[in-house]
PDB file of N, CA and C in Angstrom:
ATOM      1  N   MET A   1      85.442  85.933 101.190  1.00  0.00           N
ATOM      2  CA  MET A   1      85.431  87.046 102.128  1.00  0.00           C
ATOM      3  C   MET A   1      85.165  88.351 101.382  1.00  0.00           C
ATOM      4  N   ASP A   2      84.374  89.198 102.005  1.00  0.00           N
ATOM      5  CA  ASP A   2      84.142  90.491 101.374  1.00  0.00           C
ATOM      6  C   ASP A   2      85.210  91.489 101.827  1.00  0.00           C
ATOM      7  N   VAL A   3      85.295  92.579 101.116  1.00  0.00           N
ATOM      8  CA  VAL A   3      86.358  93.571 101.342  1.00  0.00           C
ATOM      9  C   VAL A   3      86.286  94.160 102.749  1.00  0.00           C
ATOM     10  N   SER A   4      85.084  94.489 103.212  1.00  0.00           N
ATOM     11  CA  SER A   4      84.933  95.076 104.554  1.00  0.00           C
ATOM     12  C   SER A   4      85.446  94.129 105.631  1.00  0.00           C
ATOM     13  N   HIS A   5      85.159  92.859 105.476  1.00  0.00           N
ATOM     14  CA  HIS A   5      85.625  91.862 106.442  1.00  0.00           C
ATOM     15  C   HIS A   5      87.162  91.774 106.417  1.00  0.00           C
ATOM     16  N   GLU A   6      87.739  91.762 105.220  1.00  0.00           N
ATOM     17  CA  GLU A   6      89.202  91.709 105.109  1.00  0.00           C
ATOM     18  C   GLU A   6      89.853  92.947 105.711  1.00  0.00           C
ATOM     19  N   ILE A   7      89.242  94.115 105.516  1.00  0.00           N
ATOM     20  CA  ILE A   7      89.788  95.345 106.090  1.00  0.00           C
ATOM     21  C   ILE A   7      89.734  95.277 107.619  1.00  0.00           C
ATOM     22  N   ASN A   8      88.638  94.744 108.171  1.00  0.00           N
ATOM     23  CA  ASN A   8      88.548  94.578 109.629  1.00  0.00           C
ATOM     24  C   ASN A   8      89.633  93.646 110.141  1.00  0.00           C
ATOM     25  N   LEU A   9      89.892  92.555 109.420  1.00  0.00           N
ATOM     26  CA  LEU A   9      90.970  91.639 109.799  1.00  0.00           C
ATOM     27  C   LEU A   9      92.332  92.337 109.717  1.00  0.00           C
ATOM     28  N   LEU A  10      92.506  93.161 108.687  1.00  0.00           N
ATOM     29  CA  LEU A  10      93.751  93.906 108.524  1.00  0.00           C
ATOM     30  C   LEU A  10      93.984  94.835 109.713  1.00  0.00           C
ATOM     31  N   VAL A  11      92.944  95.532 110.138  1.00  0.00           N
ATOM     32  CA  VAL A  11      93.050  96.429 111.302  1.00  0.00           C
ATOM     33  C   VAL A  11      93.494  95.631 112.528  1.00  0.00           C
ATOM     34  N   GLN A  12      92.907  94.460 112.738  1.00  0.00           N
ATOM     35  CA  GLN A  12      93.286  93.621 113.875  1.00  0.00           C
ATOM     36  C   GLN A  12      94.759  93.213 113.799  1.00  0.00           C
ATOM     37  N   GLU A  13      95.222  92.872 112.612  1.00  0.00           N
ATOM     38  CA  GLU A  13      96.621  92.452 112.457  1.00  0.00           C
ATOM     39  C   GLU A  13      97.581  93.620 112.635  1.00  0.00           C
ATOM     40  N   ILE A  14      97.212  94.800 112.172  1.00  0.00           N
ATOM     41  CA  ILE A  14      98.057  95.982 112.376  1.00  0.00           C
ATOM     42  C   ILE A  14      98.149  96.283 113.871  1.00  0.00           C
ATOM     43  N   GLU A  15      97.021  96.159 114.580  1.00  0.00           N
ATOM     44  CA  GLU A  15      97.035  96.390 116.026  1.00  0.00           C
ATOM     45  C   GLU A  15      97.888  95.336 116.739  1.00  0.00           C
ATOM     46  N   ARG A  16      97.848  94.101 116.262  1.00  0.00           N
ATOM     47  CA  ARG A  16      98.623  93.019 116.877  1.00  0.00           C
ATOM     48  C   ARG A  16     100.127  93.210 116.667  1.00  0.00           C
ATOM     49  N   LEU A  17     100.506  93.585 115.444  1.00  0.00           N
ATOM     50  CA  LEU A  17     101.922  93.652 115.082  1.00  0.00           C
ATOM     51  C   LEU A  17     102.551  95.034 115.264  1.00  0.00           C
ATOM     52  N   GLY A  18     101.701  96.051 115.317  1.00  0.00           N
ATOM     53  CA  GLY A  18     102.208  97.418 115.306  1.00  0.00           C
ATOM     54  C   GLY A  18     102.536  97.976 116.675  1.00  0.00           C
ATOM     55  N   SER A  19     102.980  99.211 116.650  1.00  0.00           N
ATOM     56  CA  SER A  19     103.269  99.951 117.878  1.00  0.00           C
ATOM     57  C   SER A  19     102.816 101.390 117.666  1.00  0.00           C
ATOM     58  N   LYS A  20     102.702 102.134 118.761  1.00  0.00           N
ATOM     59  CA  LYS A  20     102.255 103.530 118.684  1.00  0.00           C
ATOM     60  C   LYS A  20     103.398 104.427 118.214  1.00  0.00           C
ATOM     61  N   ASN A  21     103.066 105.364 117.314  1.00  0.00           N
ATOM     62  CA  ASN A  21     104.056 106.350 116.876  1.00  0.00           C
ATOM     63  C   ASN A  21     103.962 107.588 117.779  1.00  0.00           C
ATOM     64  N   ASP A  22     104.682 108.632 117.452  1.00  0.00           N
ATOM     65  CA  ASP A  22     104.708 109.840 118.279  1.00  0.00           C
ATOM     66  C   ASP A  22     103.349 110.520 118.380  1.00  0.00           C
ATOM     67  N   GLU A  23     102.497 110.324 117.365  1.00  0.00           N
ATOM     68  CA  GLU A  23     101.160 110.933 117.368  1.00  0.00           C
ATOM     69  C   GLU A  23     100.120 110.030 118.036  1.00  0.00           C
ATOM     70  N   GLY A  24     100.555 108.880 118.544  1.00  0.00           N
ATOM     71  CA  GLY A  24      99.628 107.964 119.204  1.00  0.00           C
ATOM     72  C   GLY A  24      98.885 107.038 118.252  1.00  0.00           C
ATOM     73  N   GLN A  25      99.267 107.056 116.977  1.00  0.00           N
ATOM     74  CA  GLN A  25      98.640 106.171 115.991  1.00  0.00           C
ATOM     75  C   GLN A  25      99.400 104.849 115.940  1.00  0.00           C
ATOM     76  N   THR A  26      98.669 103.775 115.684  1.00  0.00           N
ATOM     77  CA  THR A  26      99.307 102.473 115.551  1.00  0.00           C
ATOM     78  C   THR A  26      99.897 102.352 114.155  1.00  0.00           C
ATOM     79  N   CYS A  27     101.152 101.935 114.073  1.00  0.00           N
ATOM     80  CA  CYS A  27     101.786 101.758 112.768  1.00  0.00           C
ATOM     81  C   CYS A  27     102.635 100.486 112.769  1.00  0.00           C
ATOM     82  N   VAL A  28     102.811  99.955 111.568  1.00  0.00           N
ATOM     83  CA  VAL A  28     103.601  98.749 111.382  1.00  0.00           C
ATOM     84  C   VAL A  28     104.334  98.878 110.048  1.00  0.00           C
ATOM     85  N   LYS A  29     105.509  98.333 109.965  1.00  0.00           N
ATOM     86  CA  LYS A  29     106.258  98.322 108.700  1.00  0.00           C
ATOM     87  C   LYS A  29     105.628  97.308 107.750  1.00  0.00           C
ATOM     88  N   PHE A  30     105.600  97.630 106.474  1.00  0.00           N
ATOM     89  CA  PHE A  30     105.033  96.733 105.469  1.00  0.00           C
ATOM     90  C   PHE A  30     105.709  95.369 105.511  1.00  0.00           C
ATOM     91  N   GLY A  31     107.022  95.341 105.651  1.00  0.00           N
ATOM     92  CA  GLY A  31     107.753  94.074 105.668  1.00  0.00           C
ATOM     93  C   GLY A  31     107.343  93.177 106.820  1.00  0.00           C
ATOM     94  N   VAL A  32     107.070  93.776 107.981  1.00  0.00           N
ATOM     95  CA  VAL A  32     106.629  93.003 109.146  1.00  0.00           C
ATOM     96  C   VAL A  32     105.274  92.364 108.851  1.00  0.00           C
ATOM     97  N   LEU A  33     104.369  93.157 108.299  1.00  0.00           N
ATOM     98  CA  LEU A  33     103.031  92.669 107.961  1.00  0.00           C
ATOM     99  C   LEU A  33     103.105  91.599 106.882  1.00  0.00           C
ATOM    100  N   PHE A  34     103.886  91.856 105.841  1.00  0.00           N
ATOM    101  CA  PHE A  34     103.970  90.951 104.693  1.00  0.00           C
ATOM    102  C   PHE A  34     104.594  89.614 105.081  1.00  0.00           C
ATOM    103  N   ASN A  35     105.586  89.636 105.958  1.00  0.00           N
ATOM    104  CA  ASN A  35     106.321  88.417 106.311  1.00  0.00           C
ATOM    105  C   ASN A  35     105.736  87.656 107.493  1.00  0.00           C
ATOM    106  N   ASP A  36     104.667  88.162 108.079  1.00  0.00           N
ATOM    107  CA  ASP A  36     104.044  87.489 109.212  1.00  0.00           C
ATOM    108  C   ASP A  36     103.262  86.259 108.731  1.00  0.00           C
ATOM    109  N   ASP A  37     103.500  85.113 109.370  1.00  0.00           N
ATOM    110  CA  ASP A  37     102.841  83.868 108.961  1.00  0.00           C
ATOM    111  C   ASP A  37     101.322  83.942 109.087  1.00  0.00           C
ATOM    112  N   ARG A  38     100.852  84.527 110.161  1.00  0.00           N
ATOM    113  CA  ARG A  38      99.398  84.617 110.355  1.00  0.00           C
ATOM    114  C   ARG A  38      98.750  85.462 109.254  1.00  0.00           C
ATOM    115  N   CYS A  39      99.378  86.582 108.911  1.00  0.00           N
ATOM    116  CA  CYS A  39      98.853  87.433 107.830  1.00  0.00           C
ATOM    117  C   CYS A  39      98.884  86.690 106.500  1.00  0.00           C
ATOM    118  N   ALA A  40      99.931  85.929 106.272  1.00  0.00           N
ATOM    119  CA  ALA A  40     100.039  85.164 105.026  1.00  0.00           C
ATOM    120  C   ALA A  40      98.893  84.163 104.900  1.00  0.00           C
ATOM    121  N   ASN A  41      98.451  83.605 106.026  1.00  0.00           N
ATOM    122  CA  ASN A  41      97.352  82.652 106.008  1.00  0.00           C
ATOM    123  C   ASN A  41      95.988  83.317 105.878  1.00  0.00           C
ATOM    124  N   ILE A  42      95.862  84.543 106.361  1.00  0.00           N
ATOM    125  CA  ILE A  42      94.581  85.247 106.326  1.00  0.00           C
ATOM    126  C   ILE A  42      94.322  85.895 104.974  1.00  0.00           C
ATOM    127  N   PHE A  43      95.329  86.586 104.441  1.00  0.00           N
ATOM    128  CA  PHE A  43      95.124  87.428 103.259  1.00  0.00           C
ATOM    129  C   PHE A  43      95.665  86.769 101.997  1.00  0.00           C
ATOM    130  N   GLU A  44      94.768  86.535 101.043  1.00  0.00           N
ATOM    131  CA  GLU A  44      95.203  86.017  99.741  1.00  0.00           C
ATOM    132  C   GLU A  44      95.962  87.085  98.973  1.00  0.00           C
ATOM    133  N   ALA A  45      95.470  88.314  99.076  1.00  0.00           N
ATOM    134  CA  ALA A  45      96.077  89.431  98.349  1.00  0.00           C
ATOM    135  C   ALA A  45      96.250  90.605  99.309  1.00  0.00           C
ATOM    136  N   LEU A  46      97.307  90.539 100.124  1.00  0.00           N
ATOM    137  CA  LEU A  46      97.542  91.574 101.134  1.00  0.00           C
ATOM    138  C   LEU A  46      97.636  92.962 100.509  1.00  0.00           C
ATOM    139  N   VAL A  47      98.347  93.085  99.409  1.00  0.00           N
ATOM    140  CA  VAL A  47      98.531  94.399  98.772  1.00  0.00           C
ATOM    141  C   VAL A  47      97.187  94.963  98.320  1.00  0.00           C
ATOM    142  N   GLY A  48      96.327  94.104  97.788  1.00  0.00           N
ATOM    143  CA  GLY A  48      94.989  94.547  97.369  1.00  0.00           C
ATOM    144  C   GLY A  48      94.153  95.006  98.555  1.00  0.00           C
ATOM    145  N   THR A  49      94.248  94.285  99.667  1.00  0.00           N
ATOM    146  CA  THR A  49      93.519  94.669 100.874  1.00  0.00           C
ATOM    147  C   THR A  49      94.046  95.993 101.416  1.00  0.00           C
ATOM    148  N   LEU A  50      95.363  96.184 101.372  1.00  0.00           N
ATOM    149  CA  LEU A  50      95.952  97.449 101.812  1.00  0.00           C
ATOM    150  C   LEU A  50      95.460  98.611 100.948  1.00  0.00           C
ATOM    151  N   ARG A  51      95.414  98.413  99.655  1.00  0.00           N
ATOM    152  CA  ARG A  51      94.941  99.479  98.748  1.00  0.00           C
ATOM    153  C   ARG A  51      93.473  99.811  99.013  1.00  0.00           C
ATOM    154  N   ALA A  52      92.650  98.784  99.237  1.00  0.00           N
ATOM    155  CA  ALA A  52      91.230  99.005  99.527  1.00  0.00           C
ATOM    156  C   ALA A  52      91.067  99.763 100.843  1.00  0.00           C
ATOM    157  N   ALA A  53      91.846  99.388 101.856  1.00  0.00           N
ATOM    158  CA  ALA A  53      91.784 100.067 103.152  1.00  0.00           C
ATOM    159  C   ALA A  53      92.245 101.514 103.038  1.00  0.00           C
ATOM    160  N   LYS A  54      93.229 101.759 102.195  1.00  0.00           N
ATOM    161  CA  LYS A  54      93.711 103.135 101.985  1.00  0.00           C
ATOM    162  C   LYS A  54      92.637 103.973 101.289  1.00  0.00           C
ATOM    163  N   ARG A  55      91.972 103.395 100.292  1.00  0.00           N
ATOM    164  CA  ARG A  55      90.891 104.108  99.596  1.00  0.00           C
ATOM    165  C   ARG A  55      89.753 104.467 100.548  1.00  0.00           C
ATOM    166  N   LYS A  56      89.498 103.594 101.533  1.00  0.00           N
ATOM    167  CA  LYS A  56      88.432 103.843 102.508  1.00  0.00           C
ATOM    168  C   LYS A  56      88.931 104.689 103.687  1.00  0.00           C
ATOM    169  N   LYS A  57      90.183 105.138 103.611  1.00  0.00           N
ATOM    170  CA  LYS A  57      90.798 106.008 104.622  1.00  0.00           C
ATOM    171  C   LYS A  57      90.848 105.346 106.012  1.00  0.00           C
ATOM    172  N   VAL A  58      91.087 104.035 106.015  1.00  0.00           N
ATOM    173  CA  VAL A  58      91.265 103.287 107.259  1.00  0.00           C
ATOM    174  C   VAL A  58      92.733 103.284 107.648  1.00  0.00           C
ATOM    175  N   ILE A  59      93.600 103.262 106.630  1.00  0.00           N
ATOM    176  CA  ILE A  59      95.046 103.289 106.839  1.00  0.00           C
ATOM    177  C   ILE A  59      95.664 104.335 105.920  1.00  0.00           C
ATOM    178  N   SER A  60      96.927 104.601 106.163  1.00  0.00           N
ATOM    179  CA  SER A  60      97.683 105.526 105.321  1.00  0.00           C
ATOM    180  C   SER A  60      99.080 104.959 105.120  1.00  0.00           C
ATOM    181  N   PHE A  61      99.611 105.129 103.918  1.00  0.00           N
ATOM    182  CA  PHE A  61     101.005 104.804 103.635  1.00  0.00           C
ATOM    183  C   PHE A  61     101.433 105.613 102.426  1.00  0.00           C
ATOM    184  N   GLN A  62     102.745 105.824 102.312  1.00  0.00           N
ATOM    185  CA  GLN A  62     103.255 106.604 101.188  1.00  0.00           C
ATOM    186  C   GLN A  62     103.260 105.759  99.929  1.00  0.00           C
ATOM    187  N   GLY A  63     102.889 106.367  98.822  1.00  0.00           N
ATOM    188  CA  GLY A  63     102.875 105.683  97.541  1.00  0.00           C
ATOM    189  C   GLY A  63     101.531 105.046  97.252  1.00  0.00           C
ATOM    190  N   GLU A  64     101.438 104.447  96.081  1.00  0.00           N
ATOM    191  CA  GLU A  64     100.194 103.807  95.648  1.00  0.00           C
ATOM    192  C   GLU A  64     100.242 102.299  95.819  1.00  0.00           C
ATOM    193  N   LEU A  65     101.418 101.725  95.612  1.00  0.00           N
ATOM    194  CA  LEU A  65     101.568 100.279  95.606  1.00  0.00           C
ATOM    195  C   LEU A  65     102.793  99.899  96.418  1.00  0.00           C
ATOM    196  N   LEU A  66     102.658  98.884  97.255  1.00  0.00           N
ATOM    197  CA  LEU A  66     103.782  98.417  98.062  1.00  0.00           C
ATOM    198  C   LEU A  66     104.257  97.070  97.533  1.00  0.00           C
ATOM    199  N   LEU A  67     105.566  96.928  97.384  1.00  0.00           N
ATOM    200  CA  LEU A  67     106.152  95.695  96.871  1.00  0.00           C
ATOM    201  C   LEU A  67     107.109  95.114  97.902  1.00  0.00           C
ATOM    202  N   GLN A  68     107.078  93.797  98.047  1.00  0.00           N
ATOM    203  CA  GLN A  68     107.961  93.123  98.992  1.00  0.00           C
ATOM    204  C   GLN A  68     109.418  93.426  98.659  1.00  0.00           C
ATOM    205  N   GLY A  69     110.197  93.649  99.686  1.00  0.00           N
ATOM    206  CA  GLY A  69     111.613  93.947  99.500  1.00  0.00           C
ATOM    207  C   GLY A  69     111.847  95.426  99.314  1.00  0.00           C
ATOM    208  N   VAL A  70     111.289  95.986  98.265  1.00  0.00           N
ATOM    209  CA  VAL A  70     111.491  97.400  97.932  1.00  0.00           C
ATOM    210  C   VAL A  70     110.880  98.316  98.989  1.00  0.00           C
ATOM    211  N   HIS A  71     109.703  97.965  99.482  1.00  0.00           N
ATOM    212  CA  HIS A  71     108.964  98.836 100.403  1.00  0.00           C
ATOM    213  C   HIS A  71     108.826  98.249 101.803  1.00  0.00           C
ATOM    214  N   ASP A  72     109.710  97.350 102.194  1.00  0.00           N
ATOM    215  CA  ASP A  72     109.608  96.709 103.506  1.00  0.00           C
ATOM    216  C   ASP A  72     109.639  97.694 104.672  1.00  0.00           C
ATOM    217  N   HIS A  73     110.268  98.853 104.496  1.00  0.00           N
ATOM    218  CA  HIS A  73     110.418  99.804 105.589  1.00  0.00           C
ATOM    219  C   HIS A  73     109.384 100.925 105.560  1.00  0.00           C
ATOM    220  N   VAL A  74     108.386 100.808 104.702  1.00  0.00           N
ATOM    221  CA  VAL A  74     107.321 101.820 104.625  1.00  0.00           C
ATOM    222  C   VAL A  74     106.344 101.595 105.776  1.00  0.00           C
ATOM    223  N   ASP A  75     106.024 102.691 106.475  1.00  0.00           N
ATOM    224  CA  ASP A  75     105.074 102.621 107.587  1.00  0.00           C
ATOM    225  C   ASP A  75     103.638 102.561 107.066  1.00  0.00           C
ATOM    226  N   ILE A  76     102.871 101.650 107.629  1.00  0.00           N
ATOM    227  CA  ILE A  76     101.431 101.590 107.390  1.00  0.00           C
ATOM    228  C   ILE A  76     100.801 102.081 108.690  1.00  0.00           C
ATOM    229  N   ILE A  77     100.044 103.171 108.594  1.00  0.00           N
ATOM    230  CA  ILE A  77      99.507 103.848 109.773  1.00  0.00           C
ATOM    231  C   ILE A  77      97.999 103.653 109.832  1.00  0.00           C
ATOM    232  N   LEU A  78      97.530 103.228 110.989  1.00  0.00           N
ATOM    233  CA  LEU A  78      96.110 103.055 111.233  1.00  0.00           C
ATOM    234  C   LEU A  78      95.518 104.409 111.565  1.00  0.00           C
ATOM    235  N   LEU A  79      94.515 104.823 110.808  1.00  0.00           N
ATOM    236  CA  LEU A  79      93.904 106.147 111.020  1.00  0.00           C
ATOM    237  C   LEU A  79      92.724 106.078 111.976  1.00  0.00           C
TER     238      LEU A  79
END
């Protein structure tokens, strides 16, 4: 899979699992995304896909790297 395709899949999963925030943007907690069975089957390297999507300004999250457990409550926002 190429990066653009994985980012498109990521957007679909964020829309599936997320909810609208006060600004009307779709957001999901990292832990919800990371622990979802469907996401686990789709993404070999979820963190890498998240970083690529952030670089392309498709999503936003605080920090540079998200780690399971430590960052489970970090919001991933669809831009």
